[in-house]
């Protein structure tokens, strides 16, 4: 039995942001009910499917099974595993029984896939939805502060 990682709120935010930045998940809005939620992309599902195949499992955490994914038209038929190595999600290890290389999830990969499977379809809370607006507003306030600070320093130097 695979144990679920214990992630802090900050780690969840970081993983959600990275999954979105890498194109595995997207912030989706439903105009019928006015809610936002995380939606898996074909790019994300294809990589999840690739991870299952490379690690030799039918399914990881609460994700779809390989049989379910084979029925879906995910495109990216010739997708390699380079992206997974670039993100440090996979590592090659020596199987001590067969003396052949096998692929395993890294700690980052373990947390990444766990977050991916748990966030798919999850509703974004008001805090998460306002996060981008809040960050933009804070950046503007910091710039205004820096402008006033620079002006006060330049005027202070002339009065001396």
C-alpha atoms as a PDB file:
ATOM      1  CA  UNK A   1       0.000   0.000   0.000  1.00  0.00           C
ATOM      2  CA  UNK A   2       1.417   3.349  -1.061  1.00  0.00           C
ATOM      3  CA  UNK A   3       1.254   5.984   1.637  1.00  0.00           C
ATOM      4  CA  UNK A   4      -0.039   9.445   0.711  1.00  0.00           C
ATOM      5  CA  UNK A   5       2.466  12.260   1.264  1.00  0.00           C
ATOM      6  CA  UNK A   6       1.706  14.754   4.007  1.00  0.00           C
ATOM      7  CA  UNK A   7       1.790  18.129   2.229  1.00  0.00           C
ATOM      8  CA  UNK A   8       1.476  21.517   3.912  1.00  0.00           C
ATOM      9  CA  UNK A   9      -0.840  24.226   2.546  1.00  0.00           C
ATOM     10  CA  UNK A  10       2.180  26.016   1.090  1.00  0.00           C
ATOM     11  CA  UNK A  11       3.374  22.844  -0.662  1.00  0.00           C
ATOM     12  CA  UNK A  12      -0.111  22.344  -2.152  1.00  0.00           C
ATOM     13  CA  UNK A  13      -0.042  25.901  -3.521  1.00  0.00           C
ATOM     14  CA  UNK A  14       3.420  25.426  -5.006  1.00  0.00           C
ATOM     15  CA  UNK A  15       2.525  22.101  -6.611  1.00  0.00           C
ATOM     16  CA  UNK A  16      -0.749  23.463  -8.017  1.00  0.00           C
ATOM     17  CA  UNK A  17       1.099  26.426  -9.485  1.00  0.00           C
ATOM     18  CA  UNK A  18       3.801  24.220 -11.041  1.00  0.00           C
ATOM     19  CA  UNK A  19       1.246  21.776 -12.444  1.00  0.00           C
ATOM     20  CA  UNK A  20      -0.544  24.718 -14.033  1.00  0.00           C
ATOM     21  CA  UNK A  21       2.667  26.306 -15.333  1.00  0.00           C
ATOM     22  CA  UNK A  22       3.812  23.018 -16.888  1.00  0.00           C
ATOM     23  CA  UNK A  23       0.416  22.599 -18.587  1.00  0.00           C
ATOM     24  CA  UNK A  24      -0.775  19.518 -16.683  1.00  0.00           C
ATOM     25  CA  UNK A  25      -3.722  21.308 -15.045  1.00  0.00           C
ATOM     26  CA  UNK A  26      -5.669  24.391 -16.015  1.00  0.00           C
ATOM     27  CA  UNK A  27      -7.826  26.781 -14.033  1.00  0.00           C
ATOM     28  CA  UNK A  28     -11.288  26.268 -15.537  1.00  0.00           C
ATOM     29  CA  UNK A  29     -14.410  28.387 -15.029  1.00  0.00           C
ATOM     30  CA  UNK A  30     -17.961  27.010 -15.221  1.00  0.00           C
ATOM     31  CA  UNK A  31     -20.331  29.869 -16.187  1.00  0.00           C
ATOM     32  CA  UNK A  32     -23.402  27.834 -15.204  1.00  0.00           C
ATOM     33  CA  UNK A  33     -22.540  27.702 -11.523  1.00  0.00           C
ATOM     34  CA  UNK A  34     -19.890  30.451 -11.372  1.00  0.00           C
ATOM     35  CA  UNK A  35     -17.243  28.145  -9.920  1.00  0.00           C
ATOM     36  CA  UNK A  36     -13.628  27.594 -10.825  1.00  0.00           C
ATOM     37  CA  UNK A  37     -11.926  24.218 -10.623  1.00  0.00           C
ATOM     38  CA  UNK A  38      -8.761  22.447 -11.711  1.00  0.00           C
ATOM     39  CA  UNK A  39      -9.158  20.588 -14.979  1.00  0.00           C
ATOM     40  CA  UNK A  40      -6.691  18.041 -16.361  1.00  0.00           C
ATOM     41  CA  UNK A  41      -5.246  18.762 -19.800  1.00  0.00           C
ATOM     42  CA  UNK A  42      -4.513  16.159 -22.468  1.00  0.00           C
ATOM     43  CA  UNK A  43      -0.828  16.985 -21.923  1.00  0.00           C
ATOM     44  CA  UNK A  44      -1.158  16.172 -18.207  1.00  0.00           C
ATOM     45  CA  UNK A  45      -3.171  12.998 -18.742  1.00  0.00           C
ATOM     46  CA  UNK A  46      -0.721  11.724 -21.369  1.00  0.00           C
ATOM     47  CA  UNK A  47       2.210  12.296 -18.997  1.00  0.00           C
ATOM     48  CA  UNK A  48       0.319  10.629 -16.148  1.00  0.00           C
ATOM     49  CA  UNK A  49      -0.328   7.666 -18.466  1.00  0.00           C
ATOM     50  CA  UNK A  50       3.373   7.607 -19.401  1.00  0.00           C
ATOM     51  CA  UNK A  51       4.356   7.594 -15.706  1.00  0.00           C
ATOM     52  CA  UNK A  52       2.075   4.611 -15.047  1.00  0.00           C
ATOM     53  CA  UNK A  53       3.549   2.672 -17.974  1.00  0.00           C
ATOM     54  CA  UNK A  54       7.156   3.494 -17.116  1.00  0.00           C
ATOM     55  CA  UNK A  55       6.776   2.554 -13.453  1.00  0.00           C
ATOM     56  CA  UNK A  56       4.769  -0.579 -14.296  1.00  0.00           C
ATOM     57  CA  UNK A  57       1.562   0.203 -12.412  1.00  0.00           C
ATOM     58  CA  UNK A  58      -2.069   0.225 -13.554  1.00  0.00           C
ATOM     59  CA  UNK A  59      -2.892   3.423 -11.680  1.00  0.00           C
ATOM     60  CA  UNK A  60      -1.228   5.964  -9.376  1.00  0.00           C
ATOM     61  CA  UNK A  61      -3.113   7.289  -6.334  1.00  0.00           C
ATOM     62  CA  UNK A  62      -6.672   8.315  -7.321  1.00  0.00           C
ATOM     63  CA  UNK A  63      -5.923   8.799 -11.014  1.00  0.00           C
ATOM     64  CA  UNK A  64      -7.509   6.946 -13.903  1.00  0.00           C
ATOM     65  CA  UNK A  65      -6.413   3.430 -14.811  1.00  0.00           C
ATOM     66  CA  UNK A  66      -4.358   2.696 -17.909  1.00  0.00           C
ATOM     67  CA  UNK A  67      -7.408   0.993 -19.462  1.00  0.00           C
ATOM     68  CA  UNK A  68      -9.498   4.148 -18.984  1.00  0.00           C
ATOM     69  CA  UNK A  69      -6.768   6.315 -20.499  1.00  0.00           C
ATOM     70  CA  UNK A  70      -6.300   4.045 -23.516  1.00  0.00           C
ATOM     71  CA  UNK A  71      -9.956   4.654 -24.446  1.00  0.00           C
ATOM     72  CA  UNK A  72      -9.457   8.446 -24.348  1.00  0.00           C
ATOM     73  CA  UNK A  73      -8.069  10.335 -27.352  1.00  0.00           C
ATOM     74  CA  UNK A  74      -5.174  12.079 -25.609  1.00  0.00           C
ATOM     75  CA  UNK A  75      -3.073  12.899 -28.681  1.00  0.00           C
ATOM     76  CA  UNK A  76       0.723  13.233 -28.218  1.00  0.00           C
ATOM     77  CA  UNK A  77       1.126   9.616 -29.408  1.00  0.00           C
ATOM     78  CA  UNK A  78       4.905   9.906 -29.728  1.00  0.00           C
ATOM     79  CA  UNK A  79       5.419  11.518 -26.339  1.00  0.00           C
ATOM     80  CA  UNK A  80       8.782  10.601 -24.831  1.00  0.00           C
ATOM     81  CA  UNK A  81       9.841  10.573 -21.218  1.00  0.00           C
ATOM     82  CA  UNK A  82      12.364  13.441 -21.443  1.00  0.00           C
ATOM     83  CA  UNK A  83       9.935  15.945 -19.914  1.00  0.00           C
ATOM     84  CA  UNK A  84       9.472  13.695 -16.873  1.00  0.00           C
ATOM     85  CA  UNK A  85      13.233  13.518 -16.337  1.00  0.00           C
ATOM     86  CA  UNK A  86      13.605  17.274 -16.866  1.00  0.00           C
ATOM     87  CA  UNK A  87      11.082  17.851 -14.062  1.00  0.00           C
ATOM     88  CA  UNK A  88      13.010  15.341 -11.867  1.00  0.00           C
ATOM     89  CA  UNK A  89       9.926  13.140 -11.512  1.00  0.00           C
ATOM     90  CA  UNK A  90      11.595   9.870 -12.559  1.00  0.00           C
ATOM     91  CA  UNK A  91      14.899   8.167 -11.870  1.00  0.00           C
ATOM     92  CA  UNK A  92      16.488   5.002 -13.263  1.00  0.00           C
ATOM     93  CA  UNK A  93      17.474   2.472 -10.607  1.00  0.00           C
ATOM     94  CA  UNK A  94      18.995  -0.989 -10.764  1.00  0.00           C
ATOM     95  CA  UNK A  95      16.604  -3.845 -10.011  1.00  0.00           C
ATOM     96  CA  UNK A  96      18.715  -6.061  -7.738  1.00  0.00           C
ATOM     97  CA  UNK A  97      16.766  -9.199  -8.690  1.00  0.00           C
ATOM     98  CA  UNK A  98      16.963  -8.914 -12.492  1.00  0.00           C
ATOM     99  CA  UNK A  99      20.002  -6.588 -12.763  1.00  0.00           C
ATOM    100  CA  UNK A 100      18.105  -4.441 -15.251  1.00  0.00           C
ATOM    101  CA  UNK A 101      17.270  -0.775 -15.015  1.00  0.00           C
ATOM    102  CA  UNK A 102      13.793   0.150 -13.907  1.00  0.00           C
ATOM    103  CA  UNK A 103      12.121   3.507 -13.471  1.00  0.00           C
ATOM    104  CA  UNK A 104      10.850   4.797 -10.155  1.00  0.00           C
ATOM    105  CA  UNK A 105       9.266   8.011  -8.953  1.00  0.00           C
ATOM    106  CA  UNK A 106      11.534  10.463  -7.188  1.00  0.00           C
ATOM    107  CA  UNK A 107      10.257  12.148  -4.018  1.00  0.00           C
ATOM    108  CA  UNK A 108       9.285  15.130  -6.188  1.00  0.00           C
ATOM    109  CA  UNK A 109       7.571  12.809  -8.662  1.00  0.00           C
ATOM    110  CA  UNK A 110       5.690  11.079  -5.880  1.00  0.00           C
ATOM    111  CA  UNK A 111       4.358  14.403  -4.540  1.00  0.00           C
ATOM    112  CA  UNK A 112       3.756  15.750  -8.072  1.00  0.00           C
ATOM    113  CA  UNK A 113       1.616  12.805  -9.181  1.00  0.00           C
ATOM    114  CA  UNK A 114      -0.227  12.692  -5.849  1.00  0.00           C
ATOM    115  CA  UNK A 115      -1.092  16.407  -6.146  1.00  0.00           C
ATOM    116  CA  UNK A 116      -2.037  15.996  -9.824  1.00  0.00           C
ATOM    117  CA  UNK A 117      -4.478  13.177  -9.130  1.00  0.00           C
ATOM    118  CA  UNK A 118      -5.975  14.879  -6.060  1.00  0.00           C
ATOM    119  CA  UNK A 119      -6.374  18.349  -7.614  1.00  0.00           C
ATOM    120  CA  UNK A 120      -8.112  17.219 -10.835  1.00  0.00           C
ATOM    121  CA  UNK A 121     -11.713  18.395 -10.600  1.00  0.00           C
ATOM    122  CA  UNK A 122     -11.174  20.062  -7.234  1.00  0.00           C
ATOM    123  CA  UNK A 123     -12.924  23.395  -6.810  1.00  0.00           C
ATOM    124  CA  UNK A 124     -10.728  26.430  -6.295  1.00  0.00           C
ATOM    125  CA  UNK A 125     -11.629  28.291  -3.132  1.00  0.00           C
ATOM    126  CA  UNK A 126     -12.148  32.049  -3.063  1.00  0.00           C
ATOM    127  CA  UNK A 127      -8.677  32.469  -1.584  1.00  0.00           C
ATOM    128  CA  UNK A 128      -7.064  30.553  -4.444  1.00  0.00           C
ATOM    129  CA  UNK A 129      -9.137  32.372  -7.048  1.00  0.00           C
ATOM    130  CA  UNK A 130      -8.191  35.809  -5.701  1.00  0.00           C
ATOM    131  CA  UNK A 131      -4.560  34.813  -5.363  1.00  0.00           C
ATOM    132  CA  UNK A 132      -3.518  36.164  -8.792  1.00  0.00           C
ATOM    133  CA  UNK A 133      -5.376  39.463  -8.275  1.00  0.00           C
ATOM    134  CA  UNK A 134      -3.897  39.850  -4.808  1.00  0.00           C
ATOM    135  CA  UNK A 135      -0.371  39.169  -6.073  1.00  0.00           C
ATOM    136  CA  UNK A 136      -0.767  41.780  -8.830  1.00  0.00           C
ATOM    137  CA  UNK A 137      -2.106  44.353  -6.371  1.00  0.00           C
ATOM    138  CA  UNK A 138       0.743  43.690  -3.926  1.00  0.00           C
ATOM    139  CA  UNK A 139       3.295  44.065  -6.728  1.00  0.00           C
ATOM    140  CA  UNK A 140       1.801  47.446  -7.705  1.00  0.00           C
ATOM    141  CA  UNK A 141       1.888  48.624  -4.083  1.00  0.00           C
ATOM    142  CA  UNK A 142       5.533  47.563  -3.770  1.00  0.00           C
ATOM    143  CA  UNK A 143       6.418  49.477  -6.921  1.00  0.00           C
ATOM    144  CA  UNK A 144       4.675  52.607  -5.616  1.00  0.00           C
ATOM    145  CA  UNK A 145       6.517  52.259  -2.304  1.00  0.00           C
ATOM    146  CA  UNK A 146       9.851  51.894  -4.105  1.00  0.00           C
ATOM    147  CA  UNK A 147       9.135  54.991  -6.209  1.00  0.00           C
ATOM    148  CA  UNK A 148       8.351  57.079  -3.112  1.00  0.00           C
ATOM    149  CA  UNK A 149      11.375  55.656  -1.319  1.00  0.00           C
ATOM    150  CA  UNK A 150      13.648  56.488  -4.272  1.00  0.00           C
ATOM    151  CA  UNK A 151      12.231  60.011  -4.475  1.00  0.00           C
ATOM    152  CA  UNK A 152      12.717  60.589  -0.755  1.00  0.00           C
ATOM    153  CA  UNK A 153      16.298  59.347  -0.955  1.00  0.00           C
ATOM    154  CA  UNK A 154      17.148  61.530  -3.937  1.00  0.00           C
ATOM    155  CA  UNK A 155      15.631  64.644  -2.313  1.00  0.00           C
ATOM    156  CA  UNK A 156      17.293  63.847   0.978  1.00  0.00           C
ATOM    157  CA  UNK A 157      20.688  63.810  -0.762  1.00  0.00           C
ATOM    158  CA  UNK A 158      20.119  67.290  -2.301  1.00  0.00           C
ATOM    159  CA  UNK A 159      19.259  68.918   1.043  1.00  0.00           C
ATOM    160  CA  UNK A 160      22.566  67.930   2.632  1.00  0.00           C
END
